[in-house]
Amino acid sequence: MVTMTNLLLSIDRAARDPLHRQVYDGLRRAILDGRLRPGDRVPPTRALAAELGVSRLPVLGAYDQLLHEGYIVGRTGSGTFVSDSLPDDALLAARPRHRAPGPPPPRDFGGLRPFRLSLPPLDQFPRALWAGLVARHARALTPERMAYGDPAGVGELRAAIAAHLRAARAMRCEPEQVIVVPGSQSALRVAAAALLRPGDRVAIEEPGYPGARAALEAAGARLVPVPVDDDGLDVAALERLRGRVRAVYVTPSHHYPLGASMSAARRMALLDWARRRDAWILEDDYDSEYRYVSRPLGALQGMDPHGRVVHVGTFSKVLFPALRVGWLVVPAGRVEAFVAAREALDLFSPTLYQHVLAEFIAEGHFGRHLRRMRATCLARRNALLAGLAAHCGGALRVQNADAGLHVATTLEDGADDEALVRRLAARGIVATALSSCCARRPGRSGLLLGFGGFPEMRISAATQVLGEVLG
């Protein structure tokens, strides 16, 4: 509700105009100037009289006149509001053209339209259960929990993450090695701050994750693309690079964007390269929890006997992106440097959701939810593959669909994938151009099609539209 203090309305008891006229003029001018806008609620007469230090009678008189003239309207049980259709058209037209800007229009991130990437089955999330946990922890807030938190994160959550990673990802980690961050982007910024100097060379996958490129470049790294094949990053090509490479960024469990898993031989070769070159491996555990042809693969970090791997993960793809909780698992000897870098980023992550998430994991809800999501995503992946075969078989070639929440495809005729993305957008379909993942242009031509966030019937309908656009 707007107050008159916000509107700078004042009363001059020495003025000639009676009090009710001063209140009327002040409110009317606020409406015509746009400080009070159509639909805004105006203060109750008793509250306004108390704020202005006058009796209620002149305020009632001003309101009666404004009601009679159509500036405000009363709504039974709700209060008094500025009218949606105002009088004084001439005065309204005379308002200055350059008003203070309102809120910016929302940016379009693809929303919940097929085939938006990186969306888990949000429609299947146990919202009622989660809301109950949030309410319980919000009611239990103590002054200690409302104060500044540990830069590394809430202890209970760090312990829960470490236990999950040891059991599900075959990792070697203790709670002290886990650092809570808002997501993978911030994790890479923290890692770069702790391990790199501006100008250090970092090898990246080609094609690869644009967000990682942006985060590392923002930290001052010089990026060196290294090709990827069906076994993951080409370590032999990495070996042939001249000059020192300080770190390499990889997505070994599920390569972004093509979907390959790094073979055991490549993993051992990469770890050996890091040991011999005194380099770091930034392991992004992208979409590792969703595999449809085998059990989830162990993390690269669990195979590392020399402490050269920094592991990055997030709950965005297994719970929901707006949660904004991810983690770093850092080598034991580097914890202090990473905590200092994390504190410099933004002091600490909000703690309410951390406490909620720790309980969500400890009570077994996370494990049960994850099992349900794997089954749901398998059905949605199958719907996408069936739709592509039925409607797009001659134009798109599926690269890999063994894991993750999206399918990578290539265009058989090598057409302009970015132009195709624009044509799809005009039909209400969101797709990502494969070429946008390439640091070197021209890159591969294709489409990345997310399926995790959409029911099977909607996916099937979207593939039909995709086929029409391709045709």
Protein backbone atom coordinates (compact mmCIF):
# COMPACT_ATOMS: atom_id res chain seq x y z
CA MET A 1 0.00 0.00 0.00
CA VAL A 2 1.28 3.48 -0.87
CA THR A 3 1.75 5.91 2.02
CA MET A 4 1.51 9.66 1.85
CA THR A 5 5.10 9.90 3.07
CA ASN A 6 6.09 8.19 -0.18
CA LEU A 7 3.97 10.73 -2.10
CA LEU A 8 5.34 13.79 -0.26
CA LEU A 9 1.82 14.98 0.66
CA SER A 10 1.89 17.59 3.41
CA ILE A 11 -0.52 19.85 5.28
CA ASP A 12 0.01 23.60 5.81
CA ARG A 13 -2.21 24.78 8.66
CA ALA A 14 -1.41 28.45 7.88
CA ALA A 15 -2.61 28.20 4.27
CA ARG A 16 -5.88 29.74 3.10
CA ASP A 17 -7.21 26.46 1.63
CA PRO A 18 -9.12 24.33 4.12
CA LEU A 19 -7.60 21.01 5.19
CA HIS A 20 -9.96 18.85 3.14
CA ARG A 21 -9.02 20.84 0.01
CA GLN A 22 -5.31 20.37 0.68
CA VAL A 23 -5.79 16.60 1.06
CA TYR A 24 -7.93 16.51 -2.09
CA ASP A 25 -5.42 18.54 -4.16
CA GLY A 26 -2.47 16.46 -2.94
CA LEU A 27 -4.11 13.13 -3.80
CA ARG A 28 -5.45 14.35 -7.14
CA ARG A 29 -2.03 15.69 -8.16
CA ALA A 30 -0.37 12.42 -7.13
CA ILE A 31 -2.81 10.53 -9.36
CA LEU A 32 -2.40 12.84 -12.35
CA ASP A 33 1.39 12.91 -12.02
CA GLY A 34 1.51 9.13 -12.02
CA ARG A 35 2.86 8.73 -8.49
CA LEU A 36 -0.41 6.95 -7.73
CA ARG A 37 -1.31 4.73 -10.67
CA PRO A 38 -4.52 2.97 -11.75
CA GLY A 39 -5.12 0.01 -9.46
CA ASP A 40 -2.90 1.31 -6.63
CA ARG A 41 -4.48 1.05 -3.19
CA VAL A 42 -4.73 4.33 -1.27
CA PRO A 43 -4.44 4.43 2.54
CA PRO A 44 -7.52 4.02 4.73
CA THR A 45 -8.89 7.37 5.88
CA ARG A 46 -8.05 6.68 9.52
CA ALA A 47 -4.42 5.79 8.69
CA LEU A 48 -3.98 8.84 6.44
CA ALA A 49 -5.44 11.18 9.04
CA ALA A 50 -3.02 9.81 11.66
CA GLU A 51 -0.07 10.15 9.28
CA LEU A 52 -0.95 13.77 8.43
CA GLY A 53 -1.75 14.67 12.04
CA VAL A 54 -5.30 15.84 11.33
CA SER A 55 -8.76 14.68 12.31
CA ARG A 56 -10.47 12.10 10.13
CA LEU A 57 -13.19 14.54 8.98
CA PRO A 58 -11.20 16.50 6.33
CA VAL A 59 -9.78 13.24 4.95
CA LEU A 60 -13.30 11.80 4.61
CA GLY A 61 -14.34 14.96 2.79
CA ALA A 62 -11.42 14.72 0.35
CA TYR A 63 -12.14 11.03 -0.34
CA ASP A 64 -15.85 11.74 -0.93
CA GLN A 65 -15.00 14.35 -3.56
CA LEU A 66 -12.42 12.11 -5.28
CA LEU A 67 -14.94 9.25 -5.33
CA HIS A 68 -17.62 11.54 -6.77
CA GLU A 69 -15.27 12.80 -9.51
CA GLY A 70 -14.10 9.30 -10.46
CA TYR A 71 -10.48 9.46 -9.32
CA ILE A 72 -10.82 6.63 -6.81
CA VAL A 73 -13.19 3.70 -6.33
CA GLY A 74 -14.18 1.71 -3.27
CA ARG A 75 -14.19 -2.08 -3.28
CA THR A 76 -16.20 -3.77 -0.57
CA GLY A 77 -13.96 -5.69 1.79
CA SER A 78 -10.77 -4.65 0.00
CA GLY A 79 -10.32 -0.89 0.41
CA THR A 80 -10.04 2.14 -1.83
CA PHE A 81 -8.10 2.14 -5.11
CA VAL A 82 -7.13 4.54 -7.89
CA SER A 83 -9.68 4.24 -10.71
CA ASP A 84 -8.71 2.38 -13.89
CA SER A 85 -10.42 5.07 -16.02
CA LEU A 86 -9.48 8.57 -14.90
CA PRO A 87 -11.13 11.93 -15.70
CA ASP A 88 -9.24 15.04 -16.78
CA ASP A 89 -8.05 13.68 -20.13
CA ALA A 90 -6.51 17.02 -20.96
CA LEU A 91 -4.40 16.98 -17.80
CA LEU A 92 -3.43 13.37 -18.39
CA ALA A 93 -2.27 14.21 -21.91
CA ALA A 94 -0.20 17.05 -20.53
CA ARG A 95 1.89 14.78 -18.32
CA PRO A 96 5.61 14.83 -19.11
CA ARG A 97 6.52 12.20 -21.66
CA HIS A 98 9.71 11.16 -19.90
CA ARG A 99 8.66 9.40 -16.75
CA ALA A 100 10.83 7.40 -14.44
CA PRO A 101 11.27 4.03 -16.10
CA GLY A 102 9.26 1.11 -14.80
CA PRO A 103 10.62 -2.38 -14.33
CA PRO A 104 12.38 -3.77 -17.41
CA PRO A 105 10.48 -6.32 -19.47
CA PRO A 106 11.33 -9.91 -18.55
CA ARG A 107 14.03 -11.57 -20.64
CA ASP A 108 13.03 -14.64 -22.59
CA PHE A 109 15.11 -17.62 -21.43
CA GLY A 110 12.96 -20.14 -23.27
CA GLY A 111 10.59 -20.60 -20.35
CA LEU A 112 8.94 -24.00 -20.31
CA ARG A 113 8.66 -24.42 -24.08
CA PRO A 114 9.98 -27.51 -25.82
CA PHE A 115 12.93 -28.10 -26.36
CA ARG A 116 14.43 -25.84 -23.67
CA LEU A 117 17.71 -27.28 -22.37
CA SER A 118 18.71 -28.16 -18.81
CA LEU A 119 15.20 -28.59 -17.40
CA PRO A 120 14.45 -31.58 -15.16
CA PRO A 121 10.83 -32.78 -14.77
CA LEU A 122 9.70 -29.77 -12.74
CA ASP A 123 6.09 -30.93 -12.94
CA GLN A 124 7.07 -34.03 -10.93
CA PHE A 125 8.87 -32.24 -8.10
CA PRO A 126 7.31 -32.90 -4.63
CA ARG A 127 6.35 -29.27 -4.06
CA ALA A 128 4.08 -29.88 -1.08
CA LEU A 129 6.75 -31.85 0.75
CA TRP A 130 9.38 -29.22 -0.05
CA ALA A 131 7.08 -26.38 1.03
CA GLY A 132 6.54 -28.09 4.38
CA LEU A 133 10.27 -28.38 4.97
CA VAL A 134 10.83 -24.75 3.98
CA ALA A 135 8.07 -23.59 6.33
CA ARG A 136 9.47 -25.66 9.19
CA HIS A 137 12.97 -24.22 8.81
CA ALA A 138 11.67 -20.69 8.30
CA ARG A 139 9.75 -20.91 11.59
CA ALA A 140 12.84 -22.29 13.30
CA LEU A 141 15.08 -19.37 12.29
CA THR A 142 17.28 -18.29 15.19
CA PRO A 143 19.38 -15.14 15.41
CA GLU A 144 22.43 -17.32 14.78
CA ARG A 145 20.95 -18.66 11.54
CA MET A 146 19.97 -15.15 10.49
CA ALA A 147 23.54 -13.86 10.83
CA TYR A 148 26.47 -14.29 8.42
CA GLY A 149 27.16 -17.88 7.44
CA ASP A 150 30.21 -20.03 6.74
CA PRO A 151 31.66 -19.20 3.28
CA ALA A 152 32.02 -22.95 2.67
CA GLY A 153 28.36 -23.64 3.41
CA VAL A 154 26.15 -25.16 6.09
CA GLY A 155 27.93 -28.08 7.74
CA GLU A 156 24.96 -30.47 7.58
CA LEU A 157 24.59 -29.93 3.84
CA ARG A 158 28.30 -30.36 3.16
CA ALA A 159 28.21 -33.67 5.05
CA ALA A 160 25.11 -34.81 3.14
CA ILE A 161 26.68 -33.93 -0.22
CA ALA A 162 29.90 -35.74 0.66
CA ALA A 163 27.99 -38.88 1.72
CA HIS A 164 25.95 -38.86 -1.49
CA LEU A 165 29.02 -38.41 -3.70
CA ARG A 166 30.90 -41.22 -1.99
CA ALA A 167 27.97 -43.62 -2.45
CA ALA A 168 26.64 -42.56 -5.86
CA ARG A 169 29.72 -41.20 -7.64
CA ALA A 170 32.52 -43.33 -6.08
CA MET A 171 34.33 -40.20 -4.93
CA ARG A 172 36.99 -39.73 -2.29
CA CYS A 173 35.82 -36.77 -0.27
CA GLU A 174 35.14 -35.57 3.24
CA PRO A 175 32.69 -32.81 4.24
CA GLU A 176 35.63 -30.42 4.76
CA GLN A 177 36.43 -30.67 1.02
CA VAL A 178 32.89 -29.64 -0.05
CA ILE A 179 32.21 -25.95 -0.70
CA VAL A 180 28.65 -24.80 -1.40
CA VAL A 181 28.19 -22.34 -4.28
CA PRO A 182 25.19 -21.00 -6.25
CA GLY A 183 25.89 -23.22 -9.28
CA SER A 184 28.46 -24.49 -11.76
CA GLN A 185 29.18 -21.03 -13.19
CA SER A 186 30.16 -19.62 -9.82
CA ALA A 187 32.05 -22.84 -9.02
CA LEU A 188 34.26 -22.29 -12.06
CA ARG A 189 34.84 -18.65 -11.09
CA VAL A 190 35.92 -19.75 -7.61
CA ALA A 191 38.19 -22.45 -9.04
CA ALA A 192 39.78 -19.99 -11.44
CA ALA A 193 40.38 -17.50 -8.63
CA ALA A 194 41.98 -20.19 -6.44
CA LEU A 195 44.13 -21.89 -9.08
CA LEU A 196 44.83 -19.53 -11.98
CA ARG A 197 46.48 -16.25 -12.73
CA PRO A 198 45.21 -13.89 -15.43
CA GLY A 199 46.56 -15.07 -18.78
CA ASP A 200 46.97 -18.73 -17.78
CA ARG A 201 46.00 -21.12 -20.56
CA VAL A 202 43.07 -23.46 -19.96
CA ALA A 203 42.14 -26.26 -22.37
CA ILE A 204 38.44 -26.66 -23.10
CA GLU A 205 36.40 -29.20 -25.03
CA GLU A 206 35.53 -28.37 -28.66
CA PRO A 207 32.59 -28.25 -28.98
CA GLY A 208 31.88 -27.50 -25.36
CA TYR A 209 29.76 -25.73 -22.78
CA PRO A 210 29.48 -21.98 -23.59
CA GLY A 211 28.82 -21.16 -19.91
CA ALA A 212 32.18 -22.62 -18.93
CA ARG A 213 33.90 -20.61 -21.63
CA ALA A 214 32.25 -17.44 -20.36
CA ALA A 215 33.12 -18.12 -16.70
CA LEU A 216 36.77 -18.92 -17.41
CA GLU A 217 37.24 -16.01 -19.80
CA ALA A 218 35.71 -13.67 -17.22
CA ALA A 219 38.40 -14.88 -14.80
CA GLY A 220 41.13 -13.89 -17.28
CA ALA A 221 41.99 -17.35 -18.63
CA ARG A 222 43.19 -17.84 -22.21
CA LEU A 223 41.18 -20.69 -23.67
CA VAL A 224 42.61 -23.39 -25.93
CA PRO A 225 40.03 -25.60 -27.71
CA VAL A 226 40.78 -29.36 -27.83
CA PRO A 227 38.70 -31.68 -30.05
CA VAL A 228 36.26 -34.26 -28.70
CA ASP A 229 35.35 -37.63 -30.22
CA ASP A 230 33.24 -40.63 -29.19
CA ASP A 231 35.58 -41.32 -26.22
CA GLY A 232 35.56 -37.78 -24.90
CA LEU A 233 38.35 -35.22 -24.87
CA ASP A 234 41.23 -36.17 -27.20
CA VAL A 235 44.07 -36.41 -24.67
CA ALA A 236 46.64 -37.02 -27.45
CA ALA A 237 45.68 -33.64 -28.95
CA LEU A 238 46.00 -32.11 -25.48
CA GLU A 239 49.52 -33.56 -25.21
CA ARG A 240 50.51 -31.94 -28.50
CA LEU A 241 49.70 -28.42 -27.33
CA ARG A 242 52.78 -26.23 -27.11
CA GLY A 243 53.42 -24.11 -24.07
CA ARG A 244 52.13 -24.63 -20.57
CA VAL A 245 48.46 -25.44 -20.04
CA ARG A 246 47.55 -24.72 -16.43
CA ALA A 247 44.20 -26.54 -16.38
CA VAL A 248 41.70 -28.43 -18.52
CA TYR A 249 37.90 -28.25 -18.28
CA VAL A 250 36.05 -31.49 -19.05
CA THR A 251 32.57 -33.04 -18.79
CA PRO A 252 33.64 -36.72 -18.62
CA SER A 253 30.42 -38.37 -17.41
CA HIS A 254 28.21 -36.81 -20.08
CA HIS A 255 29.92 -34.53 -22.55
CA TYR A 256 28.18 -31.23 -23.20
CA PRO A 257 26.83 -31.00 -25.85
CA LEU A 258 27.39 -34.26 -27.78
CA GLY A 259 26.66 -36.72 -24.95
CA ALA A 260 29.70 -39.01 -25.06
CA SER A 261 31.19 -40.50 -21.88
CA MET A 262 34.95 -40.39 -21.49
CA SER A 263 36.43 -43.88 -21.77
CA ALA A 264 38.45 -45.41 -18.93
CA ALA A 265 41.62 -45.28 -21.02
CA ARG A 266 41.13 -41.56 -21.73
CA ARG A 267 40.46 -40.89 -18.05
CA MET A 268 43.69 -42.56 -16.99
CA ALA A 269 45.61 -40.73 -19.71
CA LEU A 270 44.13 -37.38 -18.63
CA LEU A 271 45.00 -37.97 -14.97
CA ASP A 272 48.54 -38.92 -15.98
CA TRP A 273 48.83 -35.76 -18.10
CA ALA A 274 47.76 -33.60 -15.15
CA ARG A 275 50.28 -35.29 -12.84
CA ARG A 276 53.19 -34.91 -15.27
CA ARG A 277 52.35 -31.32 -16.24
CA ASP A 278 51.48 -30.17 -12.70
CA ALA A 279 48.11 -29.09 -14.11
CA TRP A 280 44.56 -29.09 -12.81
CA ILE A 281 41.48 -30.88 -14.09
CA LEU A 282 38.16 -29.04 -13.69
CA GLU A 283 35.59 -31.86 -13.77
CA ASP A 284 32.04 -30.67 -14.44
CA ASP A 285 29.78 -33.58 -13.47
CA TYR A 286 27.16 -32.48 -16.00
CA ASP A 287 23.97 -34.61 -16.06
CA SER A 288 25.84 -37.52 -14.44
CA GLU A 289 22.78 -38.81 -12.56
CA TYR A 290 20.78 -39.57 -15.70
CA ARG A 291 21.95 -42.66 -17.58
CA TYR A 292 19.65 -44.89 -19.62
CA VAL A 293 21.94 -47.72 -20.79
CA SER A 294 23.98 -48.40 -17.64
CA ARG A 295 24.43 -47.35 -14.04
CA PRO A 296 25.81 -43.83 -13.45
CA LEU A 297 29.55 -43.78 -14.09
CA GLY A 298 31.98 -43.02 -11.29
CA ALA A 299 33.43 -39.54 -11.15
CA LEU A 300 36.90 -38.79 -12.46
CA GLN A 301 37.78 -37.40 -9.03
CA GLY A 302 37.41 -40.86 -7.49
CA MET A 303 40.12 -42.22 -9.81
CA ASP A 304 42.61 -39.48 -8.95
CA PRO A 305 45.36 -40.55 -6.51
CA HIS A 306 47.32 -37.31 -6.81
CA GLY A 307 44.73 -34.64 -5.91
CA ARG A 308 44.69 -32.89 -9.29
CA VAL A 309 40.90 -32.92 -9.86
CA VAL A 310 38.47 -30.19 -8.80
CA HIS A 311 34.93 -31.57 -9.03
CA VAL A 312 31.93 -29.33 -9.86
CA GLY A 313 28.28 -30.32 -9.41
CA THR A 314 24.84 -28.80 -9.00
CA PHE A 315 21.32 -29.66 -7.88
CA SER A 316 19.78 -27.69 -10.77
CA LYS A 317 19.20 -30.73 -12.99
CA VAL A 318 18.08 -33.16 -10.29
CA LEU A 319 15.88 -30.82 -8.21
CA PHE A 320 15.15 -27.43 -9.81
CA PRO A 321 17.30 -24.61 -11.26
CA ALA A 322 15.84 -21.83 -9.09
CA LEU A 323 17.23 -23.58 -6.01
CA ARG A 324 20.68 -22.19 -6.92
CA VAL A 325 22.73 -24.68 -4.91
CA GLY A 326 25.83 -26.34 -6.31
CA TRP A 327 29.14 -27.52 -4.93
CA LEU A 328 32.87 -27.84 -5.37
CA VAL A 329 34.91 -30.79 -4.10
CA VAL A 330 38.48 -29.59 -3.82
CA PRO A 331 41.77 -31.35 -3.07
CA ALA A 332 42.40 -31.51 0.67
CA GLY A 333 45.51 -29.34 0.49
CA ARG A 334 43.67 -26.53 -1.33
CA VAL A 335 40.62 -26.07 0.88
CA GLU A 336 41.82 -22.86 2.53
CA ALA A 337 42.58 -21.16 -0.81
CA PHE A 338 39.20 -22.17 -2.23
CA VAL A 339 37.28 -20.98 0.83
CA ALA A 340 39.03 -17.61 0.61
CA ALA A 341 38.14 -17.36 -3.10
CA ARG A 342 34.57 -18.36 -2.39
CA GLU A 343 34.25 -15.74 0.38
CA ALA A 344 35.54 -13.08 -2.00
CA LEU A 345 32.80 -13.99 -4.50
CA ASP A 346 29.82 -13.01 -2.31
CA LEU A 347 30.68 -13.95 1.31
CA PHE A 348 28.38 -17.01 1.55
CA SER A 349 25.34 -18.67 0.02
CA PRO A 350 21.85 -18.12 1.51
CA THR A 351 21.43 -20.63 4.30
CA LEU A 352 17.68 -21.31 4.52
CA TYR A 353 17.56 -23.57 1.47
CA GLN A 354 20.80 -25.21 2.56
CA HIS A 355 19.21 -26.35 5.81
CA VAL A 356 16.10 -27.49 3.95
CA LEU A 357 18.13 -29.40 1.38
CA ALA A 358 20.24 -31.09 4.07
CA GLU A 359 17.06 -32.45 5.67
CA PHE A 360 15.60 -33.37 2.27
CA ILE A 361 18.67 -35.54 1.62
CA ALA A 362 19.00 -36.94 5.16
CA GLU A 363 15.36 -38.09 5.27
CA GLY A 364 15.75 -40.04 2.02
CA HIS A 365 13.52 -37.78 -0.10
CA PHE A 366 16.36 -36.94 -2.48
CA GLY A 367 17.18 -40.56 -3.28
CA ARG A 368 13.53 -41.45 -3.89
CA HIS A 369 12.99 -38.37 -6.05
CA LEU A 370 16.08 -39.14 -8.11
CA ARG A 371 14.90 -42.70 -8.83
CA ARG A 372 11.52 -41.39 -9.98
CA MET A 373 13.16 -38.77 -12.18
CA ARG A 374 15.31 -41.34 -13.97
CA ALA A 375 12.22 -43.32 -14.93
CA THR A 376 10.35 -40.18 -15.99
CA CYS A 377 13.25 -38.89 -18.09
CA LEU A 378 13.70 -42.25 -19.78
CA ALA A 379 10.08 -42.16 -20.92
CA ARG A 380 10.48 -38.58 -22.16
CA ARG A 381 13.70 -39.40 -23.98
CA ASN A 382 11.97 -42.30 -25.70
CA ALA A 383 9.11 -40.03 -26.75
CA LEU A 384 11.60 -37.60 -28.28
CA LEU A 385 13.48 -40.32 -30.17
CA ALA A 386 10.22 -41.77 -31.47
CA GLY A 387 9.01 -38.33 -32.59
CA LEU A 388 12.29 -37.55 -34.33
CA ALA A 389 12.19 -40.89 -36.16
CA ALA A 390 8.58 -40.32 -37.24
CA HIS A 391 8.82 -36.68 -38.32
CA CYS A 392 12.50 -35.73 -38.83
CA GLY A 393 14.27 -38.94 -39.82
CA GLY A 394 15.74 -37.70 -43.10
CA ALA A 395 16.92 -34.34 -41.82
CA LEU A 396 18.38 -34.90 -38.35
CA ARG A 397 20.87 -37.46 -37.12
CA VAL A 398 20.92 -38.30 -33.40
CA GLN A 399 24.47 -38.26 -32.02
CA ASN A 400 24.04 -39.78 -28.58
CA ALA A 401 21.03 -40.42 -26.35
CA ASP A 402 22.56 -42.64 -23.66
CA ALA A 403 22.36 -40.08 -20.86
CA GLY A 404 21.35 -36.60 -19.80
CA LEU A 405 18.35 -34.35 -20.35
CA HIS A 406 18.88 -33.45 -24.00
CA VAL A 407 19.61 -35.13 -27.31
CA ALA A 408 22.29 -33.78 -29.64
CA THR A 409 21.51 -33.98 -33.35
CA THR A 410 23.32 -32.93 -36.52
CA LEU A 411 21.72 -31.56 -39.67
CA GLU A 412 22.30 -33.96 -42.52
CA ASP A 413 22.51 -31.19 -45.10
CA GLY A 414 24.73 -28.93 -42.96
CA ALA A 415 22.13 -26.15 -43.01
CA ASP A 416 22.43 -22.95 -40.97
CA ASP A 417 21.37 -24.14 -37.51
CA GLU A 418 21.02 -20.63 -36.08
CA ALA A 419 18.59 -19.66 -38.85
CA LEU A 420 16.68 -22.86 -38.14
CA VAL A 421 16.49 -21.96 -34.45
CA ARG A 422 14.93 -18.62 -35.38
CA ARG A 423 12.31 -20.30 -37.59
CA LEU A 424 11.45 -22.69 -34.76
CA ALA A 425 11.08 -19.77 -32.33
CA ALA A 426 8.45 -18.28 -34.64
CA ARG A 427 6.49 -21.52 -34.15
CA GLY A 428 6.84 -21.45 -30.35
CA ILE A 429 9.64 -24.04 -30.20
CA VAL A 430 12.93 -23.44 -28.36
CA ALA A 431 16.05 -25.21 -29.63
CA THR A 432 19.77 -24.55 -29.26
CA ALA A 433 22.13 -24.37 -32.21
CA LEU A 434 24.97 -26.88 -31.94
CA SER A 435 27.28 -24.37 -33.61
CA SER A 436 26.84 -22.04 -30.61
CA CYS A 437 28.88 -24.53 -28.58
CA CYS A 438 31.91 -24.22 -30.84
CA ALA A 439 34.72 -21.82 -29.96
CA ARG A 440 36.03 -22.04 -33.51
CA ARG A 441 33.69 -21.10 -36.34
CA PRO A 442 32.24 -22.42 -38.50
CA GLY A 443 31.36 -25.23 -36.13
CA ARG A 444 29.20 -28.31 -36.44
CA SER A 445 25.63 -27.70 -37.57
CA GLY A 446 22.83 -29.26 -35.57
CA LEU A 447 20.23 -28.87 -32.84
CA LEU A 448 20.27 -29.60 -29.11
CA LEU A 449 16.82 -30.71 -28.00
CA GLY A 450 15.93 -30.81 -24.31
CA PHE A 451 13.29 -33.27 -23.19
CA GLY A 452 13.45 -33.45 -19.37
CA GLY A 453 10.97 -30.67 -18.65
CA PHE A 454 8.10 -31.77 -20.91
CA PRO A 455 5.48 -34.57 -20.81
CA GLU A 456 5.57 -37.15 -23.60
CA MET A 457 2.49 -35.84 -25.43
CA ARG A 458 3.95 -32.33 -25.58
CA ILE A 459 7.28 -33.68 -26.84
CA SER A 460 5.53 -35.68 -29.57
CA ALA A 461 3.59 -32.63 -30.71
CA ALA A 462 6.74 -30.50 -30.76
CA THR A 463 8.61 -33.03 -32.93
CA GLN A 464 5.80 -32.77 -35.47
CA VAL A 465 6.28 -29.00 -35.62
CA LEU A 466 10.03 -29.52 -35.89
CA GLY A 467 9.49 -31.85 -38.84
CA GLU A 468 7.26 -29.27 -40.56
CA VAL A 469 9.92 -26.56 -40.17
CA LEU A 470 12.66 -28.88 -41.42
CA GLY A 471 10.54 -29.92 -44.37
